[in-house]
Structure formats: structure tokens, C-alpha cells
Amino acid sequence: MANEKREMTVREAGKKGGEAVKEKYGPEFYSRIGKKGGEAVAEERGREFYAEIGRKGGETVKRKHGPEFYSEIGRKGGEAVKARHGPEYYSRIGKKGGKASGQASGQTKELSHETGTHPR
């Protein structure tokens, strides 16, 4: 009786179904339906809903790992970005941010290429 069939668990059935859907529609299918679902929830509950669940999740992580955890993951993320884009990356995006905030307030904050200073 080695060929005795057992019932699938709910988890196994879900995995099998998910793999069949992925095979039929492709992996991007999940991205599309996830985006539609997220947009529907945002429309129904508002953006504040996501802010609230994010805050609750952050508080849970802080309780579990401590506030130092955020410093550590931020440092690791910064190092990864620096390794991927080079050490001058932060300087470049900082200048772009300065331009954007200057445009928003009606001021120009671009650096002069000749002097390396801000025009007054």
C-alpha cells in the first residue's frame, strides 16, 4: 500500500494552483492584479489606510528588533546604493533635489559650473 494517496494540504493546493496560474498567465500577471487590488483598496479606504498599516508595522518591527534596527538597515541600504551607483551618487541626487525644491519655491538653486557656488 505504498501507492496510497493522501489528501493535499491547503498550503500544497494553493501552491499548486499558484504555479498553474503563473504557468498559464506569466509572472507579471501577479504584479498586474496586485496593482489593481492596491488601487481598489486605496480608492475604497484612502491613502491614510496605507499610512496606518505602515505605522503599525513599523511599531511592531521596532518592538521586536529595537530602534537600532532602523539605523542598521539604513546604513546597509546606503552602502548598497553607494556600491551600486558609486560614491558620487549622493552628491548628484542631492543637487537634483536642490534644483527641484528651488523650482517649487520659485528660486534657482543650481550650482554655477564655473565657481561651484549657488547664484545669489
PDB file of N, CA and C in Angstrom:
ATOM      1  N   MET A   1       0.814  -1.193   0.000  1.00  0.00           N
ATOM      2  CA  MET A   1       0.000   0.000   0.000  1.00  0.00           C
ATOM      3  C   MET A   1       0.857   1.256   0.000  1.00  0.00           C
ATOM      4  N   ALA A   2       2.016   1.163  -0.644  1.00  0.00           N
ATOM      5  CA  ALA A   2       2.906   2.309  -0.756  1.00  0.00           C
ATOM      6  C   ALA A   2       2.334   3.358  -1.698  1.00  0.00           C
ATOM      7  N   ASN A   3       1.417   2.983  -2.567  1.00  0.00           N
ATOM      8  CA  ASN A   3       0.803   3.906  -3.510  1.00  0.00           C
ATOM      9  C   ASN A   3      -0.419   4.612  -2.940  1.00  0.00           C
ATOM     10  N   GLU A   4      -0.611   4.522  -1.655  1.00  0.00           N
ATOM     11  CA  GLU A   4      -1.765   5.144  -1.017  1.00  0.00           C
ATOM     12  C   GLU A   4      -1.688   6.664  -1.197  1.00  0.00           C
ATOM     13  N   LYS A   5      -2.749   7.244  -1.720  1.00  0.00           N
ATOM     14  CA  LYS A   5      -2.760   8.687  -1.934  1.00  0.00           C
ATOM     15  C   LYS A   5      -3.281   9.382  -0.689  1.00  0.00           C
ATOM     16  N   ARG A   6      -2.635  10.468  -0.347  1.00  0.00           N
ATOM     17  CA  ARG A   6      -3.095  11.272   0.776  1.00  0.00           C
ATOM     18  C   ARG A   6      -3.664  12.580   0.240  1.00  0.00           C
ATOM     19  N   GLU A   7      -4.469  13.197   1.033  1.00  0.00           N
ATOM     20  CA  GLU A   7      -5.052  14.476   0.615  1.00  0.00           C
ATOM     21  C   GLU A   7      -3.993  15.571   0.684  1.00  0.00           C
ATOM     22  N   MET A   8      -4.123  16.507  -0.223  1.00  0.00           N
ATOM     23  CA  MET A   8      -3.238  17.662  -0.228  1.00  0.00           C
ATOM     24  C   MET A   8      -3.627  18.603   0.895  1.00  0.00           C
ATOM     25  N   THR A   9      -2.633  19.265   1.472  1.00  0.00           N
ATOM     26  CA  THR A   9      -2.946  20.302   2.451  1.00  0.00           C
ATOM     27  C   THR A   9      -3.424  21.538   1.704  1.00  0.00           C
ATOM     28  N   VAL A  10      -4.033  22.445   2.402  1.00  0.00           N
ATOM     29  CA  VAL A  10      -4.488  23.696   1.782  1.00  0.00           C
ATOM     30  C   VAL A  10      -3.287  24.439   1.221  1.00  0.00           C
ATOM     31  N   ARG A  11      -2.198  24.425   1.955  1.00  0.00           N
ATOM     32  CA  ARG A  11      -0.984  25.105   1.502  1.00  0.00           C
ATOM     33  C   ARG A  11      -0.472  24.492   0.197  1.00  0.00           C
ATOM     34  N   GLU A  12      -0.418  23.175   0.134  1.00  0.00           N
ATOM     35  CA  GLU A  12       0.046  22.496  -1.080  1.00  0.00           C
ATOM     36  C   GLU A  12      -0.876  22.783  -2.262  1.00  0.00           C
ATOM     37  N   ALA A  13      -2.172  22.793  -2.010  1.00  0.00           N
ATOM     38  CA  ALA A  13      -3.139  23.075  -3.081  1.00  0.00           C
ATOM     39  C   ALA A  13      -2.980  24.508  -3.570  1.00  0.00           C
ATOM     40  N   GLY A  14      -2.785  25.433  -2.657  1.00  0.00           N
ATOM     41  CA  GLY A  14      -2.589  26.830  -3.041  1.00  0.00           C
ATOM     42  C   GLY A  14      -1.332  27.030  -3.863  1.00  0.00           C
ATOM     43  N   LYS A  15      -0.265  26.372  -3.434  1.00  0.00           N
ATOM     44  CA  LYS A  15       0.993  26.466  -4.178  1.00  0.00           C
ATOM     45  C   LYS A  15       0.835  25.886  -5.576  1.00  0.00           C
ATOM     46  N   LYS A  16       0.188  24.746  -5.672  1.00  0.00           N
ATOM     47  CA  LYS A  16      -0.029  24.096  -6.970  1.00  0.00           C
ATOM     48  C   LYS A  16      -0.876  24.989  -7.881  1.00  0.00           C
ATOM     49  N   GLY A  17      -1.918  25.573  -7.331  1.00  0.00           N
ATOM     50  CA  GLY A  17      -2.764  26.477  -8.107  1.00  0.00           C
ATOM     51  C   GLY A  17      -2.014  27.717  -8.540  1.00  0.00           C
ATOM     52  N   GLY A  18      -1.220  28.286  -7.646  1.00  0.00           N
ATOM     53  CA  GLY A  18      -0.428  29.467  -7.985  1.00  0.00           C
ATOM     54  C   GLY A  18       0.573  29.200  -9.084  1.00  0.00           C
ATOM     55  N   GLU A  19       1.188  28.026  -9.027  1.00  0.00           N
ATOM     56  CA  GLU A  19       2.143  27.656 -10.071  1.00  0.00           C
ATOM     57  C   GLU A  19       1.438  27.455 -11.415  1.00  0.00           C
ATOM     58  N   ALA A  20       0.230  26.896 -11.391  1.00  0.00           N
ATOM     59  CA  ALA A  20      -0.531  26.704 -12.627  1.00  0.00           C
ATOM     60  C   ALA A  20      -0.916  28.046 -13.238  1.00  0.00           C
ATOM     61  N   VAL A  21      -1.325  28.984 -12.404  1.00  0.00           N
ATOM     62  CA  VAL A  21      -1.694  30.323 -12.889  1.00  0.00           C
ATOM     63  C   VAL A  21      -0.461  31.022 -13.462  1.00  0.00           C
ATOM     64  N   LYS A  22       0.666  30.917 -12.757  1.00  0.00           N
ATOM     65  CA  LYS A  22       1.909  31.532 -13.240  1.00  0.00           C
ATOM     66  C   LYS A  22       2.316  30.945 -14.587  1.00  0.00           C
ATOM     67  N   GLU A  23       2.163  29.648 -14.733  1.00  0.00           N
ATOM     68  CA  GLU A  23       2.491  28.975 -15.991  1.00  0.00           C
ATOM     69  C   GLU A  23       1.567  29.451 -17.120  1.00  0.00           C
ATOM     70  N   LYS A  24       0.302  29.622 -16.808  1.00  0.00           N
ATOM     71  CA  LYS A  24      -0.690  29.996 -17.824  1.00  0.00           C
ATOM     72  C   LYS A  24      -0.593  31.471 -18.213  1.00  0.00           C
ATOM     73  N   TYR A  25      -0.469  32.374 -17.214  1.00  0.00           N
ATOM     74  CA  TYR A  25      -0.545  33.815 -17.471  1.00  0.00           C
ATOM     75  C   TYR A  25       0.791  34.539 -17.372  1.00  0.00           C
ATOM     76  N   GLY A  26       1.814  33.900 -16.835  1.00  0.00           N
ATOM     77  CA  GLY A  26       3.121  34.535 -16.673  1.00  0.00           C
ATOM     78  C   GLY A  26       3.250  35.220 -15.321  1.00  0.00           C
ATOM     79  N   PRO A  27       4.481  35.422 -14.861  1.00  0.00           N
ATOM     80  CA  PRO A  27       4.695  36.006 -13.528  1.00  0.00           C
ATOM     81  C   PRO A  27       4.213  37.451 -13.399  1.00  0.00           C
ATOM     82  N   GLU A  28       4.201  38.199 -14.502  1.00  0.00           N
ATOM     83  CA  GLU A  28       3.757  39.607 -14.429  1.00  0.00           C
ATOM     84  C   GLU A  28       2.263  39.717 -14.137  1.00  0.00           C
ATOM     85  N   PHE A  29       1.537  38.632 -14.321  1.00  0.00           N
ATOM     86  CA  PHE A  29       0.106  38.606 -14.005  1.00  0.00           C
ATOM     87  C   PHE A  29      -0.122  39.004 -12.552  1.00  0.00           C
ATOM     88  N   TYR A  30       0.704  38.466 -11.669  1.00  0.00           N
ATOM     89  CA  TYR A  30       0.550  38.765 -10.242  1.00  0.00           C
ATOM     90  C   TYR A  30       0.811  40.242  -9.950  1.00  0.00           C
ATOM     91  N   SER A  31       1.757  40.826 -10.654  1.00  0.00           N
ATOM     92  CA  SER A  31       2.019  42.262 -10.488  1.00  0.00           C
ATOM     93  C   SER A  31       0.809  43.087 -10.906  1.00  0.00           C
ATOM     94  N   ARG A  32       0.223  42.719 -12.046  1.00  0.00           N
ATOM     95  CA  ARG A  32      -0.947  43.460 -12.545  1.00  0.00           C
ATOM     96  C   ARG A  32      -2.129  43.364 -11.586  1.00  0.00           C
ATOM     97  N   ILE A  33      -2.430  42.152 -11.120  1.00  0.00           N
ATOM     98  CA  ILE A  33      -3.598  42.026 -10.237  1.00  0.00           C
ATOM     99  C   ILE A  33      -3.316  42.636  -8.870  1.00  0.00           C
ATOM    100  N   GLY A  34      -2.059  42.572  -8.439  1.00  0.00           N
ATOM    101  CA  GLY A  34      -1.696  43.203  -7.170  1.00  0.00           C
ATOM    102  C   GLY A  34      -1.848  44.712  -7.240  1.00  0.00           C
ATOM    103  N   LYS A  35      -1.431  45.295  -8.351  1.00  0.00           N
ATOM    104  CA  LYS A  35      -1.556  46.742  -8.535  1.00  0.00           C
ATOM    105  C   LYS A  35      -3.026  47.150  -8.578  1.00  0.00           C
ATOM    106  N   LYS A  36      -3.835  46.382  -9.312  1.00  0.00           N
ATOM    107  CA  LYS A  36      -5.271  46.681  -9.370  1.00  0.00           C
ATOM    108  C   LYS A  36      -5.897  46.589  -7.989  1.00  0.00           C
ATOM    109  N   GLY A  37      -5.524  45.559  -7.244  1.00  0.00           N
ATOM    110  CA  GLY A  37      -6.066  45.399  -5.894  1.00  0.00           C
ATOM    111  C   GLY A  37      -5.653  46.537  -4.982  1.00  0.00           C
ATOM    112  N   GLY A  38      -4.398  46.939  -5.068  1.00  0.00           N
ATOM    113  CA  GLY A  38      -3.912  48.051  -4.253  1.00  0.00           C
ATOM    114  C   GLY A  38      -4.612  49.357  -4.587  1.00  0.00           C
ATOM    115  N   GLU A  39      -4.844  49.583  -5.875  1.00  0.00           N
ATOM    116  CA  GLU A  39      -5.551  50.792  -6.291  1.00  0.00           C
ATOM    117  C   GLU A  39      -6.992  50.774  -5.803  1.00  0.00           C
ATOM    118  N   ALA A  40      -7.619  49.602  -5.857  1.00  0.00           N
ATOM    119  CA  ALA A  40      -9.005  49.488  -5.390  1.00  0.00           C
ATOM    120  C   ALA A  40      -9.098  49.759  -3.888  1.00  0.00           C
ATOM    121  N   VAL A  41      -8.155  49.222  -3.128  1.00  0.00           N
ATOM    122  CA  VAL A  41      -8.150  49.446  -1.677  1.00  0.00           C
ATOM    123  C   VAL A  41      -7.901  50.918  -1.381  1.00  0.00           C
ATOM    124  N   ALA A  42      -6.963  51.533  -2.095  1.00  0.00           N
ATOM    125  CA  ALA A  42      -6.670  52.945  -1.880  1.00  0.00           C
ATOM    126  C   ALA A  42      -7.892  53.812  -2.177  1.00  0.00           C
ATOM    127  N   GLU A  43      -8.623  53.460  -3.222  1.00  0.00           N
ATOM    128  CA  GLU A  43      -9.825  54.215  -3.571  1.00  0.00           C
ATOM    129  C   GLU A  43     -10.913  54.030  -2.518  1.00  0.00           C
ATOM    130  N   GLU A  44     -11.045  52.797  -2.041  1.00  0.00           N
ATOM    131  CA  GLU A  44     -12.094  52.485  -1.070  1.00  0.00           C
ATOM    132  C   GLU A  44     -11.777  53.033   0.322  1.00  0.00           C
ATOM    133  N   ARG A  45     -10.541  52.874   0.749  1.00  0.00           N
ATOM    134  CA  ARG A  45     -10.186  53.227   2.134  1.00  0.00           C
ATOM    135  C   ARG A  45      -9.369  54.495   2.261  1.00  0.00           C
ATOM    136  N   GLY A  46      -8.803  54.966   1.172  1.00  0.00           N
ATOM    137  CA  GLY A  46      -7.993  56.178   1.205  1.00  0.00           C
ATOM    138  C   GLY A  46      -6.526  55.874   1.476  1.00  0.00           C
ATOM    139  N   ARG A  47      -5.701  56.848   1.155  1.00  0.00           N
ATOM    140  CA  ARG A  47      -4.254  56.697   1.333  1.00  0.00           C
ATOM    141  C   ARG A  47      -3.887  56.561   2.805  1.00  0.00           C
ATOM    142  N   GLU A  48      -4.704  57.124   3.670  1.00  0.00           N
ATOM    143  CA  GLU A  48      -4.425  57.067   5.107  1.00  0.00           C
ATOM    144  C   GLU A  48      -4.383  55.623   5.594  1.00  0.00           C
ATOM    145  N   PHE A  49      -5.133  54.756   4.948  1.00  0.00           N
ATOM    146  CA  PHE A  49      -5.148  53.343   5.317  1.00  0.00           C
ATOM    147  C   PHE A  49      -3.740  52.762   5.228  1.00  0.00           C
ATOM    148  N   TYR A  50      -3.055  53.038   4.119  1.00  0.00           N
ATOM    149  CA  TYR A  50      -1.701  52.518   3.946  1.00  0.00           C
ATOM    150  C   TYR A  50      -0.749  53.152   4.956  1.00  0.00           C
ATOM    151  N   ALA A  51      -0.931  54.426   5.234  1.00  0.00           N
ATOM    152  CA  ALA A  51      -0.091  55.086   6.235  1.00  0.00           C
ATOM    153  C   ALA A  51      -0.276  54.428   7.596  1.00  0.00           C
ATOM    154  N   GLU A  52      -1.504  54.124   7.936  1.00  0.00           N
ATOM    155  CA  GLU A  52      -1.802  53.499   9.232  1.00  0.00           C
ATOM    156  C   GLU A  52      -1.217  52.095   9.339  1.00  0.00           C
ATOM    157  N   ILE A  53      -1.384  51.277   8.309  1.00  0.00           N
ATOM    158  CA  ILE A  53      -0.832  49.923   8.408  1.00  0.00           C
ATOM    159  C   ILE A  53       0.696  49.959   8.373  1.00  0.00           C
ATOM    160  N   GLY A  54       1.255  50.918   7.670  1.00  0.00           N
ATOM    161  CA  GLY A  54       2.716  51.079   7.675  1.00  0.00           C
ATOM    162  C   GLY A  54       3.225  51.483   9.045  1.00  0.00           C
ATOM    163  N   ARG A  55       2.508  52.397   9.696  1.00  0.00           N
ATOM    164  CA  ARG A  55       2.891  52.838  11.038  1.00  0.00           C
ATOM    165  C   ARG A  55       2.814  51.677  12.018  1.00  0.00           C
ATOM    166  N   LYS A  56       1.724  50.914  11.948  1.00  0.00           N
ATOM    167  CA  LYS A  56       1.566  49.761  12.844  1.00  0.00           C
ATOM    168  C   LYS A  56       2.665  48.730  12.609  1.00  0.00           C
ATOM    169  N   GLY A  57       2.970  48.476  11.341  1.00  0.00           N
ATOM    170  CA  GLY A  57       4.037  47.532  11.027  1.00  0.00           C
ATOM    171  C   GLY A  57       5.380  48.013  11.540  1.00  0.00           C
ATOM    172  N   GLY A  58       5.640  49.299  11.382  1.00  0.00           N
ATOM    173  CA  GLY A  58       6.890  49.881  11.873  1.00  0.00           C
ATOM    174  C   GLY A  58       7.009  49.783  13.384  1.00  0.00           C
ATOM    175  N   GLU A  59       5.905  50.020  14.087  1.00  0.00           N
ATOM    176  CA  GLU A  59       5.917  49.905  15.549  1.00  0.00           C
ATOM    177  C   GLU A  59       6.193  48.458  15.981  1.00  0.00           C
ATOM    178  N   THR A  60       5.606  47.505  15.263  1.00  0.00           N
ATOM    179  CA  THR A  60       5.828  46.089  15.574  1.00  0.00           C
ATOM    180  C   THR A  60       7.292  45.724  15.383  1.00  0.00           C
ATOM    181  N   VAL A  61       7.874  46.166  14.265  1.00  0.00           N
ATOM    182  CA  VAL A  61       9.288  45.882  13.994  1.00  0.00           C
ATOM    183  C   VAL A  61      10.160  46.538  15.064  1.00  0.00           C
ATOM    184  N   LYS A  62       9.835  47.768  15.442  1.00  0.00           N
ATOM    185  CA  LYS A  62      10.612  48.474  16.457  1.00  0.00           C
ATOM    186  C   LYS A  62      10.568  47.737  17.797  1.00  0.00           C
ATOM    187  N   ARG A  63       9.375  47.244  18.170  1.00  0.00           N
ATOM    188  CA  ARG A  63       9.257  46.481  19.417  1.00  0.00           C
ATOM    189  C   ARG A  63      10.060  45.188  19.349  1.00  0.00           C
ATOM    190  N   LYS A  64      10.006  44.538  18.205  1.00  0.00           N
ATOM    191  CA  LYS A  64      10.668  43.240  18.055  1.00  0.00           C
ATOM    192  C   LYS A  64      12.191  43.368  17.976  1.00  0.00           C
ATOM    193  N   HIS A  65      12.687  44.348  17.201  1.00  0.00           N
ATOM    194  CA  HIS A  65      14.116  44.451  16.916  1.00  0.00           C
ATOM    195  C   HIS A  65      14.814  45.624  17.592  1.00  0.00           C
ATOM    196  N   GLY A  66      14.059  46.576  18.131  1.00  0.00           N
ATOM    197  CA  GLY A  66      14.655  47.757  18.748  1.00  0.00           C
ATOM    198  C   GLY A  66      14.882  48.862  17.736  1.00  0.00           C
ATOM    199  N   PRO A  67      14.977  50.107  18.223  1.00  0.00           N
ATOM    200  CA  PRO A  67      15.141  51.248  17.304  1.00  0.00           C
ATOM    201  C   PRO A  67      16.470  51.219  16.549  1.00  0.00           C
ATOM    202  N   GLU A  68      17.480  50.548  17.097  1.00  0.00           N
ATOM    203  CA  GLU A  68      18.783  50.471  16.428  1.00  0.00           C
ATOM    204  C   GLU A  68      18.685  49.723  15.101  1.00  0.00           C
ATOM    205  N   PHE A  69      17.685  48.865  14.991  1.00  0.00           N
ATOM    206  CA  PHE A  69      17.482  48.083  13.773  1.00  0.00           C
ATOM    207  C   PHE A  69      17.349  48.995  12.564  1.00  0.00           C
ATOM    208  N   TYR A  70      16.609  50.098  12.717  1.00  0.00           N
ATOM    209  CA  TYR A  70      16.405  51.006  11.589  1.00  0.00           C
ATOM    210  C   TYR A  70      17.712  51.680  11.182  1.00  0.00           C
ATOM    211  N   SER A  71      18.532  52.027  12.155  1.00  0.00           N
ATOM    212  CA  SER A  71      19.839  52.609  11.837  1.00  0.00           C
ATOM    213  C   SER A  71      20.683  51.617  11.054  1.00  0.00           C
ATOM    214  N   GLU A  72      20.666  50.383  11.489  1.00  0.00           N
ATOM    215  CA  GLU A  72      21.468  49.343  10.839  1.00  0.00           C
ATOM    216  C   GLU A  72      20.996  49.086   9.411  1.00  0.00           C
ATOM    217  N   ILE A  73      19.686  48.937   9.196  1.00  0.00           N
ATOM    218  CA  ILE A  73      19.220  48.655   7.833  1.00  0.00           C
ATOM    219  C   ILE A  73      19.399  49.883   6.940  1.00  0.00           C
ATOM    220  N   GLY A  74      19.296  51.080   7.508  1.00  0.00           N
ATOM    221  CA  GLY A  74      19.537  52.290   6.732  1.00  0.00           C
ATOM    222  C   GLY A  74      20.985  52.386   6.287  1.00  0.00           C
ATOM    223  N   ARG A  75      21.902  52.054   7.203  1.00  0.00           N
ATOM    224  CA  ARG A  75      23.330  52.072   6.877  1.00  0.00           C
ATOM    225  C   ARG A  75      23.634  51.043   5.797  1.00  0.00           C
ATOM    226  N   LYS A  76      23.088  49.822   5.956  1.00  0.00           N
ATOM    227  CA  LYS A  76      23.317  48.778   4.958  1.00  0.00           C
ATOM    228  C   LYS A  76      22.749  49.173   3.598  1.00  0.00           C
ATOM    229  N   GLY A  77      21.563  49.774   3.590  1.00  0.00           N
ATOM    230  CA  GLY A  77      20.959  50.223   2.337  1.00  0.00           C
ATOM    231  C   GLY A  77      21.784  51.299   1.669  1.00  0.00           C
ATOM    232  N   GLY A  78      22.272  52.237   2.468  1.00  0.00           N
ATOM    233  CA  GLY A  78      23.132  53.297   1.931  1.00  0.00           C
ATOM    234  C   GLY A  78      24.415  52.750   1.338  1.00  0.00           C
ATOM    235  N   GLU A  79      25.000  51.758   2.017  1.00  0.00           N
ATOM    236  CA  GLU A  79      26.220  51.135   1.498  1.00  0.00           C
ATOM    237  C   GLU A  79      25.936  50.402   0.189  1.00  0.00           C
ATOM    238  N   ALA A  80      24.799  49.747   0.101  1.00  0.00           N
ATOM    239  CA  ALA A  80      24.436  49.021  -1.123  1.00  0.00           C
ATOM    240  C   ALA A  80      24.239  49.989  -2.285  1.00  0.00           C
ATOM    241  N   VAL A  81      23.585  51.121  -2.030  1.00  0.00           N
ATOM    242  CA  VAL A  81      23.377  52.127  -3.076  1.00  0.00           C
ATOM    243  C   VAL A  81      24.720  52.702  -3.514  1.00  0.00           C
ATOM    244  N   LYS A  82      25.574  52.984  -2.555  1.00  0.00           N
ATOM    245  CA  LYS A  82      26.900  53.520  -2.870  1.00  0.00           C
ATOM    246  C   LYS A  82      27.704  52.533  -3.706  1.00  0.00           C
ATOM    247  N   ALA A  83      27.635  51.242  -3.357  1.00  0.00           N
ATOM    248  CA  ALA A  83      28.359  50.221  -4.114  1.00  0.00           C
ATOM    249  C   ALA A  83      27.796  50.085  -5.532  1.00  0.00           C
ATOM    250  N   ARG A  84      26.505  50.211  -5.680  1.00  0.00           N
ATOM    251  CA  ARG A  84      25.867  50.048  -6.979  1.00  0.00           C
ATOM    252  C   ARG A  84      26.083  51.260  -7.876  1.00  0.00           C
ATOM    253  N   HIS A  85      25.989  52.477  -7.308  1.00  0.00           N
ATOM    254  CA  HIS A  85      25.995  53.696  -8.124  1.00  0.00           C
ATOM    255  C   HIS A  85      27.271  54.524  -8.011  1.00  0.00           C
ATOM    256  N   GLY A  86      28.141  54.185  -7.080  1.00  0.00           N
ATOM    257  CA  GLY A  86      29.383  54.942  -6.899  1.00  0.00           C
ATOM    258  C   GLY A  86      29.242  56.005  -5.827  1.00  0.00           C
ATOM    259  N   PRO A  87      30.371  56.441  -5.254  1.00  0.00           N
ATOM    260  CA  PRO A  87      30.332  57.382  -4.119  1.00  0.00           C
ATOM    261  C   PRO A  87      29.785  58.766  -4.474  1.00  0.00           C
ATOM    262  N   GLU A  88      29.850  59.158  -5.750  1.00  0.00           N
ATOM    263  CA  GLU A  88      29.356  60.491  -6.138  1.00  0.00           C
ATOM    264  C   GLU A  88      27.847  60.535  -6.331  1.00  0.00           C
ATOM    265  N   TYR A  89      27.193  59.382  -6.236  1.00  0.00           N
ATOM    266  CA  TYR A  89      25.750  59.295  -6.470  1.00  0.00           C
ATOM    267  C   TYR A  89      24.955  60.220  -5.557  1.00  0.00           C
ATOM    268  N   TYR A  90      25.268  60.217  -4.275  1.00  0.00           N
ATOM    269  CA  TYR A  90      24.514  61.048  -3.335  1.00  0.00           C
ATOM    270  C   TYR A  90      24.698  62.529  -3.631  1.00  0.00           C
ATOM    271  N   SER A  91      25.859  62.898  -4.077  1.00  0.00           N
ATOM    272  CA  SER A  91      26.098  64.285  -4.454  1.00  0.00           C
ATOM    273  C   SER A  91      25.221  64.672  -5.642  1.00  0.00           C
ATOM    274  N   ARG A  92      25.154  63.774  -6.650  1.00  0.00           N
ATOM    275  CA  ARG A  92      24.327  64.052  -7.836  1.00  0.00           C
ATOM    276  C   ARG A  92      22.851  64.179  -7.484  1.00  0.00           C
ATOM    277  N   ILE A  93      22.335  63.231  -6.693  1.00  0.00           N
ATOM    278  CA  ILE A  93      20.902  63.292  -6.395  1.00  0.00           C
ATOM    279  C   ILE A  93      20.594  64.439  -5.441  1.00  0.00           C
ATOM    280  N   GLY A  94      21.551  64.811  -4.622  1.00  0.00           N
ATOM    281  CA  GLY A  94      21.347  65.972  -3.744  1.00  0.00           C
ATOM    282  C   GLY A  94      21.200  67.255  -4.553  1.00  0.00           C
ATOM    283  N   LYS A  95      22.002  67.361  -5.593  1.00  0.00           N
ATOM    284  CA  LYS A  95      21.909  68.538  -6.469  1.00  0.00           C
ATOM    285  C   LYS A  95      20.569  68.546  -7.197  1.00  0.00           C
ATOM    286  N   LYS A  96      20.114  67.374  -7.636  1.00  0.00           N
ATOM    287  CA  LYS A  96      18.813  67.293  -8.299  1.00  0.00           C
ATOM    288  C   LYS A  96      17.704  67.701  -7.337  1.00  0.00           C
ATOM    289  N   GLY A  97      17.799  67.261  -6.095  1.00  0.00           N
ATOM    290  CA  GLY A  97      16.807  67.636  -5.085  1.00  0.00           C
ATOM    291  C   GLY A  97      16.803  69.129  -4.831  1.00  0.00           C
ATOM    292  N   GLY A  98      17.992  69.717  -4.809  1.00  0.00           N
ATOM    293  CA  GLY A  98      18.085  71.161  -4.619  1.00  0.00           C
ATOM    294  C   GLY A  98      17.445  71.922  -5.758  1.00  0.00           C
ATOM    295  N   LYS A  99      17.641  71.427  -6.976  1.00  0.00           N
ATOM    296  CA  LYS A  99      17.015  72.061  -8.137  1.00  0.00           C
ATOM    297  C   LYS A  99      15.499  71.956  -8.046  1.00  0.00           C
ATOM    298  N   ALA A 100      15.014  70.782  -7.678  1.00  0.00           N
ATOM    299  CA  ALA A 100      13.566  70.564  -7.598  1.00  0.00           C
ATOM    300  C   ALA A 100      12.950  71.435  -6.518  1.00  0.00           C
ATOM    301  N   SER A 101      13.570  71.530  -5.361  1.00  0.00           N
ATOM    302  CA  SER A 101      12.983  72.336  -4.286  1.00  0.00           C
ATOM    303  C   SER A 101      13.091  73.815  -4.614  1.00  0.00           C
ATOM    304  N   GLY A 102      14.138  74.204  -5.350  1.00  0.00           N
ATOM    305  CA  GLY A 102      14.251  75.602  -5.770  1.00  0.00           C
ATOM    306  C   GLY A 102      13.198  75.966  -6.788  1.00  0.00           C
ATOM    307  N   GLN A 103      12.883  75.041  -7.671  1.00  0.00           N
ATOM    308  CA  GLN A 103      11.856  75.280  -8.675  1.00  0.00           C
ATOM    309  C   GLN A 103      10.494  75.397  -8.017  1.00  0.00           C
ATOM    310  N   ALA A 104      10.267  74.593  -6.994  1.00  0.00           N
ATOM    311  CA  ALA A 104       8.976  74.611  -6.314  1.00  0.00           C
ATOM    312  C   ALA A 104       8.751  75.934  -5.610  1.00  0.00           C
ATOM    313  N   SER A 105       9.836  76.529  -5.084  1.00  0.00           N
ATOM    314  CA  SER A 105       9.673  77.784  -4.354  1.00  0.00           C
ATOM    315  C   SER A 105       9.907  78.994  -5.244  1.00  0.00           C
ATOM    316  N   GLY A 106      10.237  78.742  -6.535  1.00  0.00           N
ATOM    317  CA  GLY A 106      10.448  79.847  -7.456  1.00  0.00           C
ATOM    318  C   GLY A 106      11.870  80.366  -7.428  1.00  0.00           C
ATOM    319  N   GLN A 107      12.758  79.721  -6.689  1.00  0.00           N
ATOM    320  CA  GLN A 107      14.153  80.144  -6.608  1.00  0.00           C
ATOM    321  C   GLN A 107      15.004  79.181  -7.418  1.00  0.00           C
ATOM    322  N   THR A 108      16.137  79.663  -7.886  1.00  0.00           N
ATOM    323  CA  THR A 108      17.071  78.800  -8.599  1.00  0.00           C
ATOM    324  C   THR A 108      18.183  78.440  -7.641  1.00  0.00           C
ATOM    325  N   LYS A 109      18.427  77.131  -7.477  1.00  0.00           N
ATOM    326  CA  LYS A 109      19.474  76.688  -6.570  1.00  0.00           C
ATOM    327  C   LYS A 109      20.551  75.902  -7.309  1.00  0.00           C
ATOM    328  N   GLU A 110      20.617  76.083  -8.610  1.00  0.00           N
ATOM    329  CA  GLU A 110      21.618  75.343  -9.366  1.00  0.00           C
ATOM    330  C   GLU A 110      22.996  75.904  -9.051  1.00  0.00           C
ATOM    331  N   LEU A 111      23.986  75.023  -9.022  1.00  0.00           N
ATOM    332  CA  LEU A 111      25.357  75.439  -8.797  1.00  0.00           C
ATOM    333  C   LEU A 111      25.922  76.035 -10.068  1.00  0.00           C
ATOM    334  N   SER A 112      26.705  77.075  -9.925  1.00  0.00           N
ATOM    335  CA  SER A 112      27.425  77.624 -11.055  1.00  0.00           C
ATOM    336  C   SER A 112      28.555  76.671 -11.383  1.00  0.00           C
ATOM    337  N   HIS A 113      28.662  76.250 -12.626  1.00  0.00           N
ATOM    338  CA  HIS A 113      29.703  75.308 -13.014  1.00  0.00           C
ATOM    339  C   HIS A 113      31.079  75.956 -12.966  1.00  0.00           C
ATOM    340  N   GLU A 114      31.145  77.271 -13.138  1.00  0.00           N
ATOM    341  CA  GLU A 114      32.428  77.955 -13.136  1.00  0.00           C
ATOM    342  C   GLU A 114      32.986  78.090 -11.709  1.00  0.00           C
ATOM    343  N   THR A 115      32.134  78.461 -10.754  1.00  0.00           N
ATOM    344  CA  THR A 115      32.617  78.753  -9.405  1.00  0.00           C
ATOM    345  C   THR A 115      32.277  77.681  -8.398  1.00  0.00           C
ATOM    346  N   GLY A 116      31.297  76.801  -8.709  1.00  0.00           N
ATOM    347  CA  GLY A 116      30.878  75.781  -7.743  1.00  0.00           C
ATOM    348  C   GLY A 116      30.037  76.344  -6.622  1.00  0.00           C
ATOM    349  N   THR A 117      29.488  77.538  -6.834  1.00  0.00           N
ATOM    350  CA  THR A 117      28.670  78.181  -5.796  1.00  0.00           C
ATOM    351  C   THR A 117      27.255  78.380  -6.292  1.00  0.00           C
ATOM    352  N   HIS A 118      26.366  78.682  -5.357  1.00  0.00           N
ATOM    353  CA  HIS A 118      24.994  78.987  -5.701  1.00  0.00           C
ATOM    354  C   HIS A 118      24.893  80.442  -6.132  1.00  0.00           C
ATOM    355  N   PRO A 119      24.163  80.743  -7.208  1.00  0.00           N
ATOM    356  CA  PRO A 119      23.942  82.151  -7.580  1.00  0.00           C
ATOM    357  C   PRO A 119      23.050  82.820  -6.541  1.00  0.00           C
ATOM    358  N   ARG A 120      23.291  84.062  -6.294  1.00  0.00           N
ATOM    359  CA  ARG A 120      22.516  84.794  -5.279  1.00  0.00           C
ATOM    360  C   ARG A 120      21.555  85.730  -5.923  1.00  0.00           C
TER     361      ARG A 120
END
